[in-house]
Amino acid sequence: MSIRELSSNMNRILKIFRRIPIIRGQFLIFIFIILCSDIIYADAGNSGMAFLKIPSSARSAATMTVFSQMSGAPSSLFENPVGIKTDHPYFTFSHNVWFADVSGDVIALSLPSKKGAFACGLNFVRIPGIEVRDKPSNDPLNTIEAQYLTAAVGYSHSIFNKLELGGTIKYLYESLYTECGRGAALDVGVQWNAPSSLDISLLIRNLGFMSALYEEKTVLPLIFQIGIVRPEIFVEGPLNVSVGLNLGSNLTTGESKAQVGAEIGIKKILFIRGGFEHIGSINRSSLGFGLKVKRFQLDYALLF
């Protein structure tokens, strides 16, 4: 098996994570995520570093990331940088466990400033136990591990009263067998608090490059996206409903996407969530819930 074939297989594995259940428990500054599912392979596509498109939280997964532009959590650093704005220091640690010992870790910190917020974070994914063969056999020549890393810093700033600008700079690293690839990418987002209580955002992700991995450069998934969110439709009663829509395109593969999501909050304790996504010829749905009691929060999401 060549390095090129191994790299292609790794991206196929990473692409299926968007179809697996996610559970998150949060207490103060700690977040723990467990993911497990039957293996369902999605279309491989023509871009690499597929882990860059994996939702970074259970709420994002349950609502197809439509609320990442206004989440207020440091994990938005990896989805939409305008969403990192917060009025208090916020530290997040996530540990992810998938099938076949595949694991990932996310750590992020956001700090408020006078008109915005700073954030920094790491996203690390490892895929162990990859068997290398040059011909069909029971015994592999070697067993290797693929590793993917993103180190990111971001800033969100209020330009005017109703306009927010955010940016994330990312260092990218991938290691496969004896080969390593390095690169850098930029995410830029703008959010406008429009009339009628609409939040409208424009986002471009993964504008950058990668060095060659075994004589071939990994192509980043360059994504352009428009997001529209109507938060807090009912604010006077016990119910609070938010809905959102993302329309975007993967400029690398030419695939278009549409994502819709909704969240129903009941007395700010119980949250019921759902979403739908159409990318290219693939449709996905999601369901989830959240339970918040004082400083404890539990979120669950299922993508299918």
C-alpha atoms as a PDB file:
ATOM      1  CA  MET A   1       0.000   0.000   0.000  1.00  0.00           C
ATOM      2  CA  SER A   2       1.499   3.318  -1.056  1.00  0.00           C
ATOM      3  CA  ILE A   3       1.649   6.501   0.993  1.00  0.00           C
ATOM      4  CA  ARG A   4      -0.862   8.085  -1.391  1.00  0.00           C
ATOM      5  CA  GLU A   5      -3.337   5.230  -0.853  1.00  0.00           C
ATOM      6  CA  LEU A   6      -2.846   5.401   2.914  1.00  0.00           C
ATOM      7  CA  SER A   7      -3.501   9.138   2.907  1.00  0.00           C
ATOM      8  CA  SER A   8      -6.689   8.633   0.882  1.00  0.00           C
ATOM      9  CA  ASN A   9      -7.893   5.944   3.291  1.00  0.00           C
ATOM     10  CA  MET A  10      -7.223   8.170   6.301  1.00  0.00           C
ATOM     11  CA  ASN A  11      -9.392  10.896   4.848  1.00  0.00           C
ATOM     12  CA  ARG A  12     -12.193   8.375   4.212  1.00  0.00           C
ATOM     13  CA  ILE A  13     -12.030   7.350   7.873  1.00  0.00           C
ATOM     14  CA  LEU A  14     -12.083  10.940   9.091  1.00  0.00           C
ATOM     15  CA  LYS A  15     -15.053  11.818   6.876  1.00  0.00           C
ATOM     16  CA  ILE A  16     -17.327   9.279   8.590  1.00  0.00           C
ATOM     17  CA  PHE A  17     -17.039  10.981  11.989  1.00  0.00           C
ATOM     18  CA  ARG A  18     -19.829  13.349  10.980  1.00  0.00           C
ATOM     19  CA  ARG A  19     -22.236  10.388  11.105  1.00  0.00           C
ATOM     20  CA  ILE A  20     -21.523   9.140  14.618  1.00  0.00           C
ATOM     21  CA  PRO A  21     -23.206   9.727  17.988  1.00  0.00           C
ATOM     22  CA  ILE A  22     -21.693  12.350  20.249  1.00  0.00           C
ATOM     23  CA  ILE A  23     -22.169  12.740  23.979  1.00  0.00           C
ATOM     24  CA  ARG A  24     -20.706  15.593  25.992  1.00  0.00           C
ATOM     25  CA  GLY A  25     -20.708  16.272  29.699  1.00  0.00           C
ATOM     26  CA  GLN A  26     -19.627  19.682  30.941  1.00  0.00           C
ATOM     27  CA  PHE A  27     -18.830  20.690  34.505  1.00  0.00           C
ATOM     28  CA  LEU A  28     -17.308  24.097  35.002  1.00  0.00           C
ATOM     29  CA  ILE A  29     -14.456  24.162  32.472  1.00  0.00           C
ATOM     30  CA  PHE A  30     -14.302  20.443  31.610  1.00  0.00           C
ATOM     31  CA  ILE A  31     -15.857  18.835  28.560  1.00  0.00           C
ATOM     32  CA  PHE A  32     -15.686  15.110  27.819  1.00  0.00           C
ATOM     33  CA  ILE A  33     -16.854  13.660  24.520  1.00  0.00           C
ATOM     34  CA  ILE A  34     -17.369   9.997  23.667  1.00  0.00           C
ATOM     35  CA  LEU A  35     -18.105   8.950  20.099  1.00  0.00           C
ATOM     36  CA  CYS A  36     -18.976   5.464  18.928  1.00  0.00           C
ATOM     37  CA  SER A  37     -20.894   4.029  15.991  1.00  0.00           C
ATOM     38  CA  ASP A  38     -21.098   1.456  13.243  1.00  0.00           C
ATOM     39  CA  ILE A  39     -18.704   2.345  10.453  1.00  0.00           C
ATOM     40  CA  ILE A  40     -20.449   4.107   7.578  1.00  0.00           C
ATOM     41  CA  TYR A  41     -18.188   5.384   4.842  1.00  0.00           C
ATOM     42  CA  ALA A  42     -19.069   8.649   3.166  1.00  0.00           C
ATOM     43  CA  ASP A  43     -17.987   9.813  -0.239  1.00  0.00           C
ATOM     44  CA  ALA A  44     -14.224  10.349  -0.212  1.00  0.00           C
ATOM     45  CA  GLY A  45     -14.292  13.612  -2.145  1.00  0.00           C
ATOM     46  CA  ASN A  46     -11.222  15.304  -3.551  1.00  0.00           C
ATOM     47  CA  SER A  47      -9.856  17.226  -0.561  1.00  0.00           C
ATOM     48  CA  GLY A  48      -7.773  16.111   2.406  1.00  0.00           C
ATOM     49  CA  MET A  49      -7.543  17.009   6.112  1.00  0.00           C
ATOM     50  CA  ALA A  50     -11.171  15.910   6.518  1.00  0.00           C
ATOM     51  CA  PHE A  51     -10.976  16.312  10.314  1.00  0.00           C
ATOM     52  CA  LEU A  52     -11.129  20.086   9.760  1.00  0.00           C
ATOM     53  CA  LYS A  53     -14.838  19.651   8.948  1.00  0.00           C
ATOM     54  CA  ILE A  54     -15.769  17.620  12.053  1.00  0.00           C
ATOM     55  CA  PRO A  55     -18.040  19.508  14.521  1.00  0.00           C
ATOM     56  CA  SER A  56     -16.155  20.482  17.653  1.00  0.00           C
ATOM     57  CA  SER A  57     -19.046  20.133  20.124  1.00  0.00           C
ATOM     58  CA  ALA A  58     -22.211  18.119  20.655  1.00  0.00           C
ATOM     59  CA  ARG A  59     -24.419  21.176  20.200  1.00  0.00           C
ATOM     60  CA  SER A  60     -22.779  21.912  16.859  1.00  0.00           C
ATOM     61  CA  ALA A  61     -23.223  18.307  15.745  1.00  0.00           C
ATOM     62  CA  ALA A  62     -26.892  18.213  16.777  1.00  0.00           C
ATOM     63  CA  THR A  63     -27.695  21.444  14.926  1.00  0.00           C
ATOM     64  CA  MET A  64     -25.349  20.985  11.940  1.00  0.00           C
ATOM     65  CA  THR A  65     -23.091  23.842  13.187  1.00  0.00           C
ATOM     66  CA  VAL A  66     -25.672  26.543  12.346  1.00  0.00           C
ATOM     67  CA  PHE A  67     -25.231  28.194  15.778  1.00  0.00           C
ATOM     68  CA  SER A  68     -21.416  28.255  15.789  1.00  0.00           C
ATOM     69  CA  GLN A  69     -21.475  31.949  14.792  1.00  0.00           C
ATOM     70  CA  MET A  70     -23.049  32.836  18.158  1.00  0.00           C
ATOM     71  CA  SER A  71     -22.096  29.989  20.514  1.00  0.00           C
ATOM     72  CA  GLY A  72     -19.797  32.014  22.779  1.00  0.00           C
ATOM     73  CA  ALA A  73     -17.609  28.934  23.317  1.00  0.00           C
ATOM     74  CA  PRO A  74     -13.866  28.583  22.592  1.00  0.00           C
ATOM     75  CA  SER A  75     -14.624  25.549  20.409  1.00  0.00           C
ATOM     76  CA  SER A  76     -15.991  27.966  17.788  1.00  0.00           C
ATOM     77  CA  LEU A  77     -12.327  28.704  17.084  1.00  0.00           C
ATOM     78  CA  PHE A  78     -12.397  25.619  14.823  1.00  0.00           C
ATOM     79  CA  GLU A  79     -15.792  26.348  13.194  1.00  0.00           C
ATOM     80  CA  ASN A  80     -16.511  30.087  12.996  1.00  0.00           C
ATOM     81  CA  PRO A  81     -14.194  32.570  14.767  1.00  0.00           C
ATOM     82  CA  VAL A  82     -16.900  35.198  15.332  1.00  0.00           C
ATOM     83  CA  GLY A  83     -18.507  32.755  17.765  1.00  0.00           C
ATOM     84  CA  ILE A  84     -15.661  32.875  20.304  1.00  0.00           C
ATOM     85  CA  LYS A  85     -16.828  36.185  21.783  1.00  0.00           C
ATOM     86  CA  THR A  86     -17.397  35.850  25.533  1.00  0.00           C
ATOM     87  CA  ASP A  87     -17.696  38.093  28.576  1.00  0.00           C
ATOM     88  CA  HIS A  88     -15.712  35.796  30.902  1.00  0.00           C
ATOM     89  CA  PRO A  89     -12.654  33.516  30.661  1.00  0.00           C
ATOM     90  CA  TYR A  90     -13.614  30.150  29.215  1.00  0.00           C
ATOM     91  CA  PHE A  91     -11.436  27.030  29.122  1.00  0.00           C
ATOM     92  CA  THR A  92     -12.478  23.862  27.312  1.00  0.00           C
ATOM     93  CA  PHE A  93     -10.924  20.416  27.202  1.00  0.00           C
ATOM     94  CA  SER A  94     -12.399  17.628  25.102  1.00  0.00           C
ATOM     95  CA  HIS A  95     -11.367  14.009  24.784  1.00  0.00           C
ATOM     96  CA  ASN A  96     -12.832  12.011  21.924  1.00  0.00           C
ATOM     97  CA  VAL A  97     -12.845   8.227  21.618  1.00  0.00           C
ATOM     98  CA  TRP A  98     -13.974   6.580  18.391  1.00  0.00           C
ATOM     99  CA  PHE A  99     -14.002   3.047  17.022  1.00  0.00           C
ATOM    100  CA  ALA A 100     -10.772   1.064  16.496  1.00  0.00           C
ATOM    101  CA  ASP A 101      -8.868   3.161  19.083  1.00  0.00           C
ATOM    102  CA  VAL A 102      -9.156   6.308  16.962  1.00  0.00           C
ATOM    103  CA  SER A 103      -9.029   9.269  19.332  1.00  0.00           C
ATOM    104  CA  GLY A 104      -8.959  13.031  19.327  1.00  0.00           C
ATOM    105  CA  ASP A 105      -8.353  15.814  21.805  1.00  0.00           C
ATOM    106  CA  VAL A 106      -9.394  19.448  21.689  1.00  0.00           C
ATOM    107  CA  ILE A 107      -8.225  22.089  24.133  1.00  0.00           C
ATOM    108  CA  ALA A 108      -9.225  25.735  23.802  1.00  0.00           C
ATOM    109  CA  LEU A 109      -9.156  28.918  25.848  1.00  0.00           C
ATOM    110  CA  SER A 110     -10.936  32.215  25.277  1.00  0.00           C
ATOM    111  CA  LEU A 111     -10.383  35.481  27.135  1.00  0.00           C
ATOM    112  CA  PRO A 112     -12.591  38.565  26.852  1.00  0.00           C
ATOM    113  CA  SER A 113     -11.230  41.932  25.799  1.00  0.00           C
ATOM    114  CA  LYS A 114     -12.820  45.359  25.744  1.00  0.00           C
ATOM    115  CA  LYS A 115     -14.544  44.864  22.384  1.00  0.00           C
ATOM    116  CA  GLY A 116     -14.053  41.191  21.660  1.00  0.00           C
ATOM    117  CA  ALA A 117     -12.233  38.050  22.722  1.00  0.00           C
ATOM    118  CA  PHE A 118      -8.984  36.174  22.150  1.00  0.00           C
ATOM    119  CA  ALA A 119      -8.866  32.403  21.771  1.00  0.00           C
ATOM    120  CA  CYS A 120      -6.282  29.705  21.223  1.00  0.00           C
ATOM    121  CA  GLY A 121      -6.557  25.971  20.929  1.00  0.00           C
ATOM    122  CA  LEU A 122      -5.264  22.602  19.744  1.00  0.00           C
ATOM    123  CA  ASN A 123      -7.083  19.880  17.842  1.00  0.00           C
ATOM    124  CA  PHE A 124      -5.276  16.536  17.634  1.00  0.00           C
ATOM    125  CA  VAL A 125      -6.478  13.311  15.980  1.00  0.00           C
ATOM    126  CA  ARG A 126      -4.624   9.991  15.935  1.00  0.00           C
ATOM    127  CA  ILE A 127      -5.456   6.807  14.007  1.00  0.00           C
ATOM    128  CA  PRO A 128      -3.366   3.872  15.278  1.00  0.00           C
ATOM    129  CA  GLY A 129      -3.100   0.304  14.065  1.00  0.00           C
ATOM    130  CA  ILE A 130      -2.803   0.921  10.312  1.00  0.00           C
ATOM    131  CA  GLU A 131      -1.328  -2.181   8.695  1.00  0.00           C
ATOM    132  CA  VAL A 132       1.051  -1.730   5.766  1.00  0.00           C
ATOM    133  CA  ARG A 133       1.374  -4.406   3.067  1.00  0.00           C
ATOM    134  CA  ASP A 134       2.904  -4.487  -0.400  1.00  0.00           C
ATOM    135  CA  LYS A 135       0.950  -7.649  -1.337  1.00  0.00           C
ATOM    136  CA  PRO A 136      -1.943  -9.708   0.116  1.00  0.00           C
ATOM    137  CA  SER A 137      -0.756 -11.533   3.245  1.00  0.00           C
ATOM    138  CA  ASN A 138      -1.744 -12.389   6.806  1.00  0.00           C
ATOM    139  CA  ASP A 139       1.229 -10.594   8.306  1.00  0.00           C
ATOM    140  CA  PRO A 140       1.664  -6.860   7.643  1.00  0.00           C
ATOM    141  CA  LEU A 141       5.076  -5.401   6.931  1.00  0.00           C
ATOM    142  CA  ASN A 142       4.516  -2.775   9.583  1.00  0.00           C
ATOM    143  CA  THR A 143       1.859  -1.157  11.764  1.00  0.00           C
ATOM    144  CA  ILE A 144       1.795   2.623  11.701  1.00  0.00           C
ATOM    145  CA  GLU A 145      -0.172   5.527  13.122  1.00  0.00           C
ATOM    146  CA  ALA A 146      -1.567   8.557  11.306  1.00  0.00           C
ATOM    147  CA  GLN A 147      -1.593  11.864  13.186  1.00  0.00           C
ATOM    148  CA  TYR A 148      -3.309  15.160  12.418  1.00  0.00           C
ATOM    149  CA  LEU A 149      -2.872  18.411  14.336  1.00  0.00           C
ATOM    150  CA  THR A 150      -4.281  21.914  14.204  1.00  0.00           C
ATOM    151  CA  ALA A 151      -2.855  24.671  16.420  1.00  0.00           C
ATOM    152  CA  ALA A 152      -5.004  27.782  16.207  1.00  0.00           C
ATOM    153  CA  VAL A 153      -5.189  31.333  17.527  1.00  0.00           C
ATOM    154  CA  GLY A 154      -8.138  33.607  16.909  1.00  0.00           C
ATOM    155  CA  TYR A 155      -9.672  36.956  17.709  1.00  0.00           C
ATOM    156  CA  SER A 156     -13.215  38.277  17.541  1.00  0.00           C
ATOM    157  CA  HIS A 157     -13.771  42.037  17.561  1.00  0.00           C
ATOM    158  CA  SER A 158     -16.838  44.272  17.568  1.00  0.00           C
ATOM    159  CA  ILE A 159     -16.267  46.797  14.781  1.00  0.00           C
ATOM    160  CA  PHE A 160     -19.555  48.595  15.271  1.00  0.00           C
ATOM    161  CA  ASN A 161     -22.470  48.028  17.599  1.00  0.00           C
ATOM    162  CA  LYS A 162     -23.994  45.331  15.381  1.00  0.00           C
ATOM    163  CA  LEU A 163     -21.002  44.107  13.390  1.00  0.00           C
ATOM    164  CA  GLU A 164     -18.527  41.461  14.536  1.00  0.00           C
ATOM    165  CA  LEU A 165     -15.329  40.390  12.763  1.00  0.00           C
ATOM    166  CA  GLY A 166     -13.412  37.233  13.632  1.00  0.00           C
ATOM    167  CA  GLY A 167     -10.335  35.472  12.350  1.00  0.00           C
ATOM    168  CA  THR A 168      -8.421  32.270  13.076  1.00  0.00           C
ATOM    169  CA  ILE A 169      -4.856  31.433  12.019  1.00  0.00           C
ATOM    170  CA  LYS A 170      -4.127  27.698  11.966  1.00  0.00           C
ATOM    171  CA  TYR A 171      -0.931  25.685  11.820  1.00  0.00           C
ATOM    172  CA  LEU A 172      -1.618  22.296  10.217  1.00  0.00           C
ATOM    173  CA  TYR A 173       0.377  19.093  10.534  1.00  0.00           C
ATOM    174  CA  GLU A 174      -0.135  15.562   9.250  1.00  0.00           C
ATOM    175  CA  SER A 175       2.094  12.538   9.727  1.00  0.00           C
ATOM    176  CA  LEU A 176       1.724   9.234   7.909  1.00  0.00           C
ATOM    177  CA  TYR A 177       4.284   6.441   7.955  1.00  0.00           C
ATOM    178  CA  THR A 178       7.640   8.155   7.272  1.00  0.00           C
ATOM    179  CA  GLU A 179       6.135  11.240   5.647  1.00  0.00           C
ATOM    180  CA  CYS A 180       5.078  14.544   7.217  1.00  0.00           C
ATOM    181  CA  GLY A 181       3.168  17.466   5.802  1.00  0.00           C
ATOM    182  CA  ARG A 182       2.900  20.970   7.228  1.00  0.00           C
ATOM    183  CA  GLY A 183       0.853  23.970   6.297  1.00  0.00           C
ATOM    184  CA  ALA A 184      -1.115  26.997   7.406  1.00  0.00           C
ATOM    185  CA  ALA A 185      -4.666  28.189   6.912  1.00  0.00           C
ATOM    186  CA  LEU A 186      -6.865  31.160   7.693  1.00  0.00           C
ATOM    187  CA  ASP A 187     -10.539  31.351   8.678  1.00  0.00           C
ATOM    188  CA  VAL A 188     -12.346  34.696   8.451  1.00  0.00           C
ATOM    189  CA  GLY A 189     -15.908  35.404   9.532  1.00  0.00           C
ATOM    190  CA  VAL A 190     -18.172  38.446   9.714  1.00  0.00           C
ATOM    191  CA  GLN A 191     -21.423  38.611  11.681  1.00  0.00           C
ATOM    192  CA  TRP A 192     -24.138  41.264  11.386  1.00  0.00           C
ATOM    193  CA  ASN A 193     -26.944  41.656  13.911  1.00  0.00           C
ATOM    194  CA  ALA A 194     -29.553  42.585  11.341  1.00  0.00           C
ATOM    195  CA  PRO A 195     -33.038  44.019  11.937  1.00  0.00           C
ATOM    196  CA  SER A 196     -35.823  41.608  12.951  1.00  0.00           C
ATOM    197  CA  SER A 197     -33.374  39.949  15.368  1.00  0.00           C
ATOM    198  CA  LEU A 198     -31.518  38.088  12.624  1.00  0.00           C
ATOM    199  CA  ASP A 199     -27.835  37.176  12.911  1.00  0.00           C
ATOM    200  CA  ILE A 200     -26.256  36.963   9.445  1.00  0.00           C
ATOM    201  CA  SER A 201     -22.693  35.779   8.909  1.00  0.00           C
ATOM    202  CA  LEU A 202     -20.240  35.270   6.071  1.00  0.00           C
ATOM    203  CA  LEU A 203     -17.440  32.757   6.535  1.00  0.00           C
ATOM    204  CA  ILE A 204     -14.494  31.438   4.569  1.00  0.00           C
ATOM    205  CA  ARG A 205     -12.534  28.508   6.015  1.00  0.00           C
ATOM    206  CA  ASN A 206      -9.224  26.808   5.301  1.00  0.00           C
ATOM    207  CA  LEU A 207      -7.722  29.433   3.029  1.00  0.00           C
ATOM    208  CA  GLY A 208      -4.156  28.162   2.952  1.00  0.00           C
ATOM    209  CA  PHE A 209      -1.730  25.486   1.827  1.00  0.00           C
ATOM    210  CA  MET A 210      -0.005  22.222   2.760  1.00  0.00           C
ATOM    211  CA  SER A 211       3.479  21.009   1.917  1.00  0.00           C
ATOM    212  CA  ALA A 212       3.938  17.870  -0.161  1.00  0.00           C
ATOM    213  CA  LEU A 213       3.227  14.485   1.405  1.00  0.00           C
ATOM    214  CA  TYR A 214       5.116  11.880  -0.622  1.00  0.00           C
ATOM    215  CA  GLU A 215       5.442  14.131  -3.679  1.00  0.00           C
ATOM    216  CA  GLU A 216       1.798  15.220  -3.579  1.00  0.00           C
ATOM    217  CA  LYS A 217       0.368  18.186  -1.687  1.00  0.00           C
ATOM    218  CA  THR A 218      -2.752  17.692   0.409  1.00  0.00           C
ATOM    219  CA  VAL A 219      -5.561  19.908  -0.869  1.00  0.00           C
ATOM    220  CA  LEU A 220      -7.424  21.720   1.903  1.00  0.00           C
ATOM    221  CA  PRO A 221     -11.249  21.846   1.914  1.00  0.00           C
ATOM    222  CA  LEU A 222     -11.785  25.537   1.099  1.00  0.00           C
ATOM    223  CA  ILE A 223     -15.297  26.407   2.262  1.00  0.00           C
ATOM    224  CA  PHE A 224     -17.425  29.518   1.745  1.00  0.00           C
ATOM    225  CA  GLN A 225     -20.559  29.813   3.856  1.00  0.00           C
ATOM    226  CA  ILE A 226     -23.478  32.126   4.579  1.00  0.00           C
ATOM    227  CA  GLY A 227     -25.254  31.669   7.909  1.00  0.00           C
ATOM    228  CA  ILE A 228     -28.610  33.037   9.059  1.00  0.00           C
ATOM    229  CA  VAL A 229     -29.793  32.560  12.645  1.00  0.00           C
ATOM    230  CA  ARG A 230     -32.997  33.675  14.334  1.00  0.00           C
ATOM    231  CA  PRO A 231     -32.263  33.336  18.064  1.00  0.00           C
ATOM    232  CA  GLU A 232     -34.720  33.502  20.936  1.00  0.00           C
ATOM    233  CA  ILE A 233     -38.003  33.583  19.031  1.00  0.00           C
ATOM    234  CA  PHE A 234     -39.992  33.250  22.262  1.00  0.00           C
ATOM    235  CA  VAL A 235     -38.376  35.031  25.192  1.00  0.00           C
ATOM    236  CA  GLU A 236     -41.281  35.816  27.520  1.00  0.00           C
ATOM    237  CA  GLY A 237     -42.548  32.298  28.236  1.00  0.00           C
ATOM    238  CA  PRO A 238     -40.892  29.058  29.359  1.00  0.00           C
ATOM    239  CA  LEU A 239     -39.982  28.115  25.772  1.00  0.00           C
ATOM    240  CA  ASN A 240     -37.080  29.604  23.856  1.00  0.00           C
ATOM    241  CA  VAL A 241     -36.747  28.616  20.197  1.00  0.00           C
ATOM    242  CA  SER A 242     -33.786  29.309  17.898  1.00  0.00           C
ATOM    243  CA  VAL A 243     -33.481  28.331  14.242  1.00  0.00           C
ATOM    244  CA  GLY A 244     -30.600  28.632  11.791  1.00  0.00           C
ATOM    245  CA  LEU A 245     -29.566  28.029   8.199  1.00  0.00           C
ATOM    246  CA  ASN A 246     -26.168  27.609   6.529  1.00  0.00           C
ATOM    247  CA  LEU A 247     -25.676  27.801   2.769  1.00  0.00           C
ATOM    248  CA  GLY A 248     -22.208  27.097   1.481  1.00  0.00           C
ATOM    249  CA  SER A 249     -19.889  25.552  -1.036  1.00  0.00           C
ATOM    250  CA  ASN A 250     -16.696  23.526  -0.932  1.00  0.00           C
ATOM    251  CA  LEU A 251     -14.682  25.520  -3.453  1.00  0.00           C
ATOM    252  CA  THR A 252     -12.158  22.686  -3.715  1.00  0.00           C
ATOM    253  CA  THR A 253     -14.577  19.959  -4.794  1.00  0.00           C
ATOM    254  CA  GLY A 254     -17.364  22.160  -6.167  1.00  0.00           C
ATOM    255  CA  GLU A 255     -19.947  20.594  -3.845  1.00  0.00           C
ATOM    256  CA  SER A 256     -22.673  22.837  -2.443  1.00  0.00           C
ATOM    257  CA  LYS A 257     -24.249  22.389   0.953  1.00  0.00           C
ATOM    258  CA  ALA A 258     -27.339  23.410   2.882  1.00  0.00           C
ATOM    259  CA  GLN A 259     -27.701  22.956   6.631  1.00  0.00           C
ATOM    260  CA  VAL A 260     -30.663  23.738   8.877  1.00  0.00           C
ATOM    261  CA  GLY A 261     -30.859  23.410  12.626  1.00  0.00           C
ATOM    262  CA  ALA A 262     -33.191  24.213  15.492  1.00  0.00           C
ATOM    263  CA  GLU A 263     -32.990  24.321  19.262  1.00  0.00           C
ATOM    264  CA  ILE A 264     -35.889  24.419  21.715  1.00  0.00           C
ATOM    265  CA  GLY A 265     -35.025  25.466  25.254  1.00  0.00           C
ATOM    266  CA  ILE A 266     -37.416  24.713  28.108  1.00  0.00           C
ATOM    267  CA  LYS A 267     -36.878  26.977  31.111  1.00  0.00           C
ATOM    268  CA  LYS A 268     -33.177  27.092  30.190  1.00  0.00           C
ATOM    269  CA  ILE A 269     -32.813  23.600  31.642  1.00  0.00           C
ATOM    270  CA  LEU A 270     -33.774  21.158  28.890  1.00  0.00           C
ATOM    271  CA  PHE A 271     -32.751  21.691  25.261  1.00  0.00           C
ATOM    272  CA  ILE A 272     -34.061  19.667  22.314  1.00  0.00           C
ATOM    273  CA  ARG A 273     -32.130  19.948  19.060  1.00  0.00           C
ATOM    274  CA  GLY A 274     -32.299  18.744  15.496  1.00  0.00           C
ATOM    275  CA  GLY A 275     -30.800  19.395  12.090  1.00  0.00           C
ATOM    276  CA  PHE A 276     -30.607  18.388   8.462  1.00  0.00           C
ATOM    277  CA  GLU A 277     -27.722  18.620   6.013  1.00  0.00           C
ATOM    278  CA  HIS A 278     -27.472  18.213   2.247  1.00  0.00           C
ATOM    279  CA  ILE A 279     -23.963  18.091   0.750  1.00  0.00           C
ATOM    280  CA  GLY A 280     -23.573  17.116  -2.881  1.00  0.00           C
ATOM    281  CA  SER A 281     -25.656  13.961  -3.230  1.00  0.00           C
ATOM    282  CA  ILE A 282     -25.548  13.060   0.487  1.00  0.00           C
ATOM    283  CA  ASN A 283     -28.280  13.823   3.027  1.00  0.00           C
ATOM    284  CA  ARG A 284     -27.739  13.634   6.791  1.00  0.00           C
ATOM    285  CA  SER A 285     -30.019  14.255   9.741  1.00  0.00           C
ATOM    286  CA  SER A 286     -29.272  14.887  13.400  1.00  0.00           C
ATOM    287  CA  LEU A 287     -31.072  14.796  16.717  1.00  0.00           C
ATOM    288  CA  GLY A 288     -29.883  15.743  20.156  1.00  0.00           C
ATOM    289  CA  PHE A 289     -30.706  17.089  23.566  1.00  0.00           C
ATOM    290  CA  GLY A 290     -29.062  19.043  26.336  1.00  0.00           C
ATOM    291  CA  LEU A 291     -29.617  19.144  30.077  1.00  0.00           C
ATOM    292  CA  LYS A 292     -28.270  22.005  32.169  1.00  0.00           C
ATOM    293  CA  VAL A 293     -28.455  22.108  35.950  1.00  0.00           C
ATOM    294  CA  LYS A 294     -26.544  25.002  37.485  1.00  0.00           C
ATOM    295  CA  ARG A 295     -22.931  24.481  36.354  1.00  0.00           C
ATOM    296  CA  PHE A 296     -23.417  21.017  34.957  1.00  0.00           C
ATOM    297  CA  GLN A 297     -24.408  20.415  31.350  1.00  0.00           C
ATOM    298  CA  LEU A 298     -24.886  17.188  29.414  1.00  0.00           C
ATOM    299  CA  ASP A 299     -25.349  17.202  25.627  1.00  0.00           C
ATOM    300  CA  TYR A 300     -25.982  14.312  23.264  1.00  0.00           C
ATOM    301  CA  ALA A 301     -26.161  14.211  19.475  1.00  0.00           C
ATOM    302  CA  LEU A 302     -26.848  11.486  16.940  1.00  0.00           C
ATOM    303  CA  LEU A 303     -26.058  11.952  13.246  1.00  0.00           C
ATOM    304  CA  PHE A 304     -27.521   9.557  10.712  1.00  0.00           C
END
